[in-house]
């Protein structure tokens, strides 16, 4: 005979007859897996919208107004309010950081005001002594045009399109920046604009003497062109006391037609910009004006190729011709325009330490 005590229906796992929640029709709390699934299924905003919330709160927009704006865009009121509340402590921390930056900008503004009062211009120095240059310009981040340092270089009397054609075989493959005219951010996107061309084809385009920013050999092409154009380095010489002893690979080769533009940016090292053929116009803005330079990505400015900058930026303009070197200190904003066919070099291999500036840089990406 069956024992009824051995065949009672089994209660669901976790069921207790005296469970008050069960008696009231309330489910027991879900386990961790169920809770995670519920969170995943709950409505949420994307990261872009959350960033907008944080930026609005940092800008001082009242929380209720931020939530109201979200509701008007179709977000459920409960979700809008919850997301704003979640963002508030993070936005408060970001606002604290913003105040720290505001203090630095205040100091920059004081420096800019004093620089404007001093009326400092870019001086021209004929064959300066290295130690005097080091104290007056390298250590103070003050630009200068140096002359009389490379007049003895063979490149100063030899370099022309005809000489370059003889020095490097025409079928040598070189790298060129091309397709720049159709891209407003051609310098930011410089990797996408790298193109291989025959050296002879580049020279033929230059012989036509166009006015264009469409093609340009720049420092961005240095890794390829240092090897391809190695013969040209034989025409360069040393600058004792300023640069390390010249060797194959030192410096970056630049060549382009009238109309080439290097848009507003600052470098991460100290630089010598040497013109050997033709003339360039360089516009400069001091590092103290950085808060006004619309620096949106890395070392670039939204001003791009513009030349009509607001007067409060204190822009200075200098022209450099054959044999002239412009010292561009680290952090100085500059815009470079080719006024004619130009051929030149830039150098960063100084006798003084020039690596530490870049090593300490932490502002890559979007700002």
Protein backbone atom coordinates (compact mmCIF):
# COMPACT_ATOMS: atom_id res chain seq x y z
CA UNK A 1 0.00 0.00 0.00
CA UNK A 2 1.41 3.44 -0.92
CA UNK A 3 2.48 5.69 1.89
CA UNK A 4 0.89 9.09 1.09
CA UNK A 5 3.62 10.80 3.08
CA UNK A 6 6.20 9.63 0.50
CA UNK A 7 4.30 11.00 -2.53
CA UNK A 8 3.38 14.56 -1.63
CA UNK A 9 3.79 17.00 -4.56
CA UNK A 10 7.22 18.68 -4.38
CA UNK A 11 7.08 22.42 -3.67
CA UNK A 12 9.06 24.69 -5.96
CA UNK A 13 12.64 25.22 -4.91
CA UNK A 14 12.86 27.93 -2.31
CA UNK A 15 9.12 27.75 -1.45
CA UNK A 16 8.16 28.07 2.19
CA UNK A 17 4.49 27.71 3.23
CA UNK A 18 4.97 30.36 5.88
CA UNK A 19 6.63 32.87 3.48
CA UNK A 20 4.73 36.16 4.03
CA UNK A 21 5.80 37.53 0.62
CA UNK A 22 4.31 34.48 -1.05
CA UNK A 23 1.12 34.90 0.91
CA UNK A 24 0.80 38.47 -0.31
CA UNK A 25 1.42 37.47 -3.93
CA UNK A 26 4.90 39.12 -4.01
CA UNK A 27 7.72 37.29 -5.74
CA UNK A 28 10.92 36.62 -3.89
CA UNK A 29 13.93 38.70 -4.95
CA UNK A 30 15.49 37.48 -8.18
CA UNK A 31 18.88 35.85 -8.19
CA UNK A 32 22.03 37.59 -9.57
CA UNK A 33 21.53 36.27 -13.11
CA UNK A 34 17.92 37.43 -13.24
CA UNK A 35 18.85 40.82 -11.85
CA UNK A 36 21.57 41.27 -14.47
CA UNK A 37 19.13 40.29 -17.22
CA UNK A 38 16.63 42.83 -15.92
CA UNK A 39 19.26 45.56 -15.93
CA UNK A 40 20.26 44.70 -19.49
CA UNK A 41 16.62 44.85 -20.63
CA UNK A 42 15.94 48.20 -18.93
CA UNK A 43 15.86 51.25 -21.20
CA UNK A 44 19.03 53.30 -21.20
CA UNK A 45 20.64 56.20 -23.02
CA UNK A 46 23.65 55.89 -25.29
CA UNK A 47 27.04 57.25 -24.27
CA UNK A 48 26.82 60.20 -26.65
CA UNK A 49 23.63 61.43 -24.95
CA UNK A 50 25.16 60.87 -21.51
CA UNK A 51 28.13 62.98 -22.57
CA UNK A 52 25.72 65.74 -23.58
CA UNK A 53 24.10 65.53 -20.14
CA UNK A 54 27.46 65.87 -18.39
CA UNK A 55 28.54 68.80 -20.58
CA UNK A 56 25.22 70.59 -19.98
CA UNK A 57 25.54 70.16 -16.21
CA UNK A 58 29.16 71.36 -16.31
CA UNK A 59 28.03 74.43 -18.24
CA UNK A 60 25.68 75.31 -15.37
CA UNK A 61 22.38 74.22 -16.90
CA UNK A 62 19.94 73.38 -14.05
CA UNK A 63 19.29 69.62 -13.72
CA UNK A 64 15.53 70.01 -14.22
CA UNK A 65 16.17 71.85 -17.48
CA UNK A 66 18.56 69.13 -18.72
CA UNK A 67 15.93 66.49 -17.91
CA UNK A 68 13.24 68.57 -19.62
CA UNK A 69 15.34 68.83 -22.77
CA UNK A 70 15.68 65.05 -22.81
CA UNK A 71 11.93 64.58 -22.43
CA UNK A 72 11.29 66.93 -25.34
CA UNK A 73 13.57 64.69 -27.41
CA UNK A 74 11.43 61.67 -26.63
CA UNK A 75 13.10 60.25 -23.51
CA UNK A 76 10.71 58.95 -20.86
CA UNK A 77 10.48 61.38 -17.89
CA UNK A 78 11.54 58.78 -15.34
CA UNK A 79 14.55 57.73 -17.37
CA UNK A 80 15.53 61.35 -18.07
CA UNK A 81 15.45 62.25 -14.38
CA UNK A 82 17.38 59.14 -13.37
CA UNK A 83 20.11 59.70 -15.95
CA UNK A 84 20.58 63.33 -14.89
CA UNK A 85 20.86 62.29 -11.24
CA UNK A 86 23.43 59.64 -12.16
CA UNK A 87 25.50 62.18 -14.05
CA UNK A 88 25.52 64.88 -11.37
CA UNK A 89 28.45 63.62 -9.20
CA UNK A 90 30.59 62.93 -12.28
CA UNK A 91 29.79 66.35 -13.74
CA UNK A 92 30.68 67.92 -10.39
CA UNK A 93 34.09 66.21 -10.44
CA UNK A 94 34.65 67.37 -14.02
CA UNK A 95 33.66 70.92 -13.07
CA UNK A 96 36.27 70.83 -10.33
CA UNK A 97 38.90 69.89 -12.91
CA UNK A 98 37.57 72.67 -15.14
CA UNK A 99 38.21 75.18 -12.35
CA UNK A 100 41.81 74.01 -12.13
CA UNK A 101 42.19 74.55 -15.87
CA UNK A 102 40.56 77.97 -15.54
CA UNK A 103 43.29 78.98 -13.13
CA UNK A 104 45.95 77.98 -15.66
CA UNK A 105 44.13 79.92 -18.36
CA UNK A 106 44.11 82.95 -16.06
CA UNK A 107 47.89 82.72 -15.77
CA UNK A 108 48.18 82.33 -19.55
CA UNK A 109 46.09 85.47 -19.99
CA UNK A 110 48.39 87.44 -17.67
CA UNK A 111 51.44 86.28 -19.61
CA UNK A 112 49.77 87.17 -22.92
CA UNK A 113 48.92 90.65 -21.64
CA UNK A 114 52.51 91.26 -20.56
CA UNK A 115 53.87 89.94 -23.86
CA UNK A 116 51.62 92.35 -25.73
CA UNK A 117 52.79 95.23 -23.55
CA UNK A 118 56.43 94.35 -24.25
CA UNK A 119 55.76 94.39 -27.99
CA UNK A 120 58.29 91.65 -28.69
CA UNK A 121 58.95 90.98 -32.37
CA UNK A 122 60.79 88.11 -34.03
CA UNK A 123 64.42 89.31 -34.26
CA UNK A 124 66.87 88.58 -37.06
CA UNK A 125 70.20 87.30 -35.76
CA UNK A 126 73.24 87.06 -38.01
CA UNK A 127 75.45 84.09 -37.09
CA UNK A 128 74.62 84.19 -33.37
CA UNK A 129 76.87 82.45 -30.88
CA UNK A 130 75.27 79.14 -29.80
CA UNK A 131 75.48 79.94 -26.09
CA UNK A 132 73.88 83.35 -26.54
CA UNK A 133 71.08 81.82 -28.62
CA UNK A 134 70.58 79.13 -26.00
CA UNK A 135 70.07 81.64 -23.19
CA UNK A 136 68.05 84.24 -25.10
CA UNK A 137 65.84 82.01 -27.26
CA UNK A 138 66.03 78.28 -26.54
CA UNK A 139 65.42 78.68 -22.81
CA UNK A 140 62.85 81.48 -23.16
CA UNK A 141 60.87 79.96 -26.05
CA UNK A 142 61.34 83.09 -28.14
CA UNK A 143 61.31 82.68 -31.95
CA UNK A 144 64.11 84.13 -34.05
CA UNK A 145 65.32 84.18 -37.65
CA UNK A 146 68.94 83.08 -37.95
CA UNK A 147 71.11 83.99 -40.90
CA UNK A 148 74.71 83.37 -41.89
CA UNK A 149 74.81 79.77 -40.63
CA UNK A 150 74.38 77.74 -43.84
CA UNK A 151 75.73 80.03 -46.57
CA UNK A 152 78.65 77.63 -47.11
CA UNK A 153 76.45 74.58 -47.71
CA UNK A 154 76.63 73.15 -51.26
CA UNK A 155 72.82 73.03 -51.31
CA UNK A 156 72.70 76.84 -51.21
CA UNK A 157 74.30 77.10 -54.67
CA UNK A 158 73.29 73.76 -56.16
CA UNK A 159 69.67 73.08 -55.31
CA UNK A 160 67.30 73.65 -58.18
CA UNK A 161 64.87 71.39 -60.02
CA UNK A 162 67.60 70.61 -62.57
CA UNK A 163 70.12 69.66 -59.88
CA UNK A 164 67.60 67.51 -58.02
CA UNK A 165 66.82 65.70 -61.30
CA UNK A 166 70.52 64.91 -61.77
CA UNK A 167 71.14 63.91 -58.14
CA UNK A 168 68.27 61.41 -57.83
CA UNK A 169 67.22 58.99 -60.62
CA UNK A 170 63.81 59.97 -62.07
CA UNK A 171 62.29 56.52 -61.46
CA UNK A 172 63.06 56.66 -57.72
CA UNK A 173 59.87 56.16 -55.74
CA UNK A 174 59.20 58.95 -53.24
CA UNK A 175 56.32 59.71 -50.93
CA UNK A 176 54.17 62.83 -51.39
CA UNK A 177 51.14 64.30 -49.64
CA UNK A 178 48.35 64.50 -52.25
CA UNK A 179 44.59 65.07 -52.40
CA UNK A 180 44.81 67.86 -49.85
CA UNK A 181 42.49 70.37 -51.53
CA UNK A 182 39.31 68.34 -50.98
CA UNK A 183 39.96 67.65 -47.29
CA UNK A 184 39.67 70.49 -44.79
CA UNK A 185 41.52 68.32 -42.24
CA UNK A 186 44.28 67.22 -44.60
CA UNK A 187 46.99 67.62 -41.97
CA UNK A 188 45.11 65.75 -39.26
CA UNK A 189 44.41 63.04 -41.86
CA UNK A 190 47.94 63.14 -43.27
CA UNK A 191 48.36 59.37 -43.23
CA UNK A 192 45.45 59.00 -45.67
CA UNK A 193 47.07 61.47 -48.06
CA UNK A 194 50.40 59.69 -48.45
CA UNK A 195 51.01 58.70 -52.08
CA UNK A 196 53.96 57.08 -53.84
CA UNK A 197 55.17 58.80 -57.01
CA UNK A 198 58.19 58.69 -59.28
CA UNK A 199 60.67 61.44 -58.48
CA UNK A 200 60.69 62.56 -62.10
CA UNK A 201 56.90 62.98 -62.11
CA UNK A 202 57.07 65.19 -59.01
CA UNK A 203 59.69 67.42 -60.60
CA UNK A 204 57.65 67.72 -63.80
CA UNK A 205 54.63 68.91 -61.86
CA UNK A 206 56.79 71.54 -60.17
CA UNK A 207 58.29 72.71 -63.47
CA UNK A 208 54.78 73.79 -64.51
CA UNK A 209 54.96 76.30 -61.62
CA UNK A 210 51.38 75.78 -60.38
CA UNK A 211 49.75 77.57 -57.47
CA UNK A 212 48.22 74.76 -55.44
CA UNK A 213 48.06 73.01 -52.10
CA UNK A 214 47.22 69.72 -53.79
CA UNK A 215 50.65 68.10 -53.46
CA UNK A 216 53.55 68.70 -51.11
CA UNK A 217 56.54 66.73 -49.81
CA UNK A 218 56.60 67.31 -46.04
CA UNK A 219 58.13 65.98 -42.85
CA UNK A 220 55.25 63.46 -42.74
CA UNK A 221 56.97 61.69 -45.63
CA UNK A 222 60.34 61.60 -43.93
CA UNK A 223 60.60 57.87 -43.21
CA UNK A 224 60.42 57.03 -46.92
CA UNK A 225 62.19 60.03 -48.40
CA UNK A 226 65.24 59.93 -46.15
CA UNK A 227 66.21 56.75 -47.97
CA UNK A 228 64.89 57.61 -51.41
CA UNK A 229 66.52 61.05 -51.50
CA UNK A 230 69.64 60.13 -49.56
CA UNK A 231 71.94 61.66 -52.19
CA UNK A 232 70.65 65.13 -51.35
CA UNK A 233 71.99 64.96 -47.80
CA UNK A 234 75.50 65.15 -49.30
CA UNK A 235 74.72 68.78 -50.14
CA UNK A 236 74.03 69.66 -46.52
CA UNK A 237 76.58 70.62 -43.90
CA UNK A 238 76.83 71.01 -40.15
CA UNK A 239 75.70 73.89 -37.99
CA UNK A 240 78.33 73.62 -35.24
CA UNK A 241 77.16 74.40 -31.75
CA UNK A 242 73.47 74.12 -32.73
CA UNK A 243 72.89 70.74 -34.38
CA UNK A 244 74.42 67.36 -33.77
CA UNK A 245 76.94 66.37 -36.41
CA UNK A 246 75.03 65.90 -39.67
CA UNK A 247 74.60 62.33 -40.79
CA UNK A 248 72.32 60.55 -43.22
CA UNK A 249 68.80 60.81 -41.86
CA UNK A 250 69.15 64.05 -39.90
CA UNK A 251 66.48 66.54 -40.84
CA UNK A 252 63.30 66.43 -42.90
CA UNK A 253 63.07 67.36 -46.58
CA UNK A 254 60.32 69.75 -47.73
CA UNK A 255 59.40 70.66 -51.33
CA UNK A 256 56.27 72.07 -52.86
CA UNK A 257 54.76 74.62 -55.26
CA UNK A 258 53.52 78.11 -54.59
CA UNK A 259 50.33 77.94 -52.54
CA UNK A 260 51.21 75.07 -50.20
CA UNK A 261 49.80 75.47 -46.70
CA UNK A 262 50.70 73.90 -43.40
CA UNK A 263 47.66 74.71 -41.20
CA UNK A 264 47.71 76.01 -37.66
CA UNK A 265 49.36 73.63 -35.23
CA UNK A 266 52.12 73.53 -32.66
CA UNK A 267 55.03 71.10 -32.52
CA UNK A 268 56.11 68.95 -29.60
CA UNK A 269 59.80 69.81 -30.02
CA UNK A 270 62.00 72.81 -30.73
CA UNK A 271 62.49 73.24 -34.49
CA UNK A 272 64.72 74.87 -37.09
CA UNK A 273 62.84 75.59 -40.33
CA UNK A 274 65.39 76.26 -43.09
CA UNK A 275 64.51 77.61 -46.50
CA UNK A 276 67.00 76.84 -49.29
CA UNK A 277 64.98 77.73 -52.41
CA UNK A 278 62.10 80.23 -52.55
CA UNK A 279 60.20 82.09 -49.85
CA UNK A 280 57.77 81.10 -47.11
CA UNK A 281 55.44 83.17 -44.96
CA UNK A 282 55.09 81.96 -41.39
CA UNK A 283 52.38 83.22 -39.03
CA UNK A 284 53.03 82.72 -35.34
CA UNK A 285 50.95 82.78 -32.15
CA UNK A 286 52.54 82.45 -28.72
CA UNK A 287 51.77 79.49 -26.41
CA UNK A 288 50.20 81.91 -23.93
CA UNK A 289 47.27 82.29 -26.36
CA UNK A 290 46.59 78.54 -26.45
CA UNK A 291 43.26 78.89 -24.58
CA UNK A 292 42.04 81.05 -27.50
CA UNK A 293 43.42 78.89 -30.32
CA UNK A 294 40.44 76.54 -30.61
CA UNK A 295 42.66 73.53 -29.99
CA UNK A 296 40.19 70.68 -30.58
CA UNK A 297 42.43 67.72 -31.45
CA UNK A 298 45.97 66.90 -30.35
CA UNK A 299 48.19 69.80 -31.53
CA UNK A 300 45.81 71.20 -34.17
CA UNK A 301 43.49 74.21 -34.26
CA UNK A 302 40.04 74.66 -35.72
CA UNK A 303 41.41 77.80 -37.39
CA UNK A 304 42.96 75.39 -39.91
CA UNK A 305 44.17 77.33 -42.94
CA UNK A 306 42.63 80.65 -41.88
CA UNK A 307 44.93 83.67 -41.70
CA UNK A 308 42.55 86.35 -40.42
CA UNK A 309 42.77 85.49 -36.73
CA UNK A 310 41.20 87.68 -34.01
CA UNK A 311 43.56 90.50 -32.91
CA UNK A 312 43.62 89.29 -29.31
CA UNK A 313 45.73 86.35 -30.48
CA UNK A 314 48.64 88.68 -31.19
CA UNK A 315 49.61 86.92 -34.42
CA UNK A 316 53.04 87.78 -35.81
CA UNK A 317 54.03 87.29 -39.46
CA UNK A 318 57.53 86.73 -40.82
CA UNK A 319 58.90 85.80 -44.25
CA UNK A 320 61.97 83.63 -44.70
CA UNK A 321 64.04 83.30 -47.85
CA UNK A 322 67.05 81.29 -49.04
CA UNK A 323 69.56 80.56 -46.29
CA UNK A 324 67.30 81.79 -43.50
CA UNK A 325 66.35 79.64 -40.52
CA UNK A 326 63.28 80.27 -38.40
CA UNK A 327 63.56 78.94 -34.87
CA UNK A 328 60.05 77.74 -33.91
CA UNK A 329 59.98 76.95 -30.19
CA UNK A 330 57.93 74.09 -28.79
CA UNK A 331 54.30 75.07 -28.22
CA UNK A 332 54.31 78.04 -30.62
CA UNK A 333 51.33 77.91 -32.98
CA UNK A 334 52.29 78.40 -36.60
CA UNK A 335 50.81 78.48 -40.10
CA UNK A 336 53.18 78.20 -43.09
CA UNK A 337 52.46 79.32 -46.65
CA UNK A 338 54.61 78.81 -49.72
CA UNK A 339 54.97 82.12 -51.56
CA UNK A 340 56.81 80.42 -54.41
CA UNK A 341 58.32 77.05 -55.27
CA UNK A 342 60.09 76.13 -52.02
CA UNK A 343 62.72 73.57 -51.16
CA UNK A 344 64.06 73.31 -47.66
CA UNK A 345 64.73 71.31 -44.53
CA UNK A 346 63.66 71.21 -40.92
CA UNK A 347 65.78 69.96 -38.04
CA UNK A 348 65.17 68.78 -34.50
CA UNK A 349 68.58 67.15 -33.81
CA UNK A 350 69.93 69.89 -31.56
CA UNK A 351 72.96 69.64 -29.30
CA UNK A 352 70.61 70.46 -26.40
CA UNK A 353 68.06 67.98 -25.09
CA UNK A 354 64.99 68.10 -27.35
CA UNK A 355 63.32 64.81 -26.47
CA UNK A 356 61.94 65.49 -23.02
CA UNK A 357 59.22 67.88 -24.20
CA UNK A 358 57.49 65.25 -26.32
CA UNK A 359 58.00 62.54 -23.70
CA UNK A 360 55.91 64.52 -21.20
CA UNK A 361 53.06 65.23 -23.64
CA UNK A 362 49.72 63.63 -22.68
CA UNK A 363 47.16 65.49 -24.80
CA UNK A 364 46.74 63.24 -27.81
CA UNK A 365 43.28 62.77 -29.26
CA UNK A 366 40.14 64.88 -28.95
CA UNK A 367 40.22 67.78 -26.51
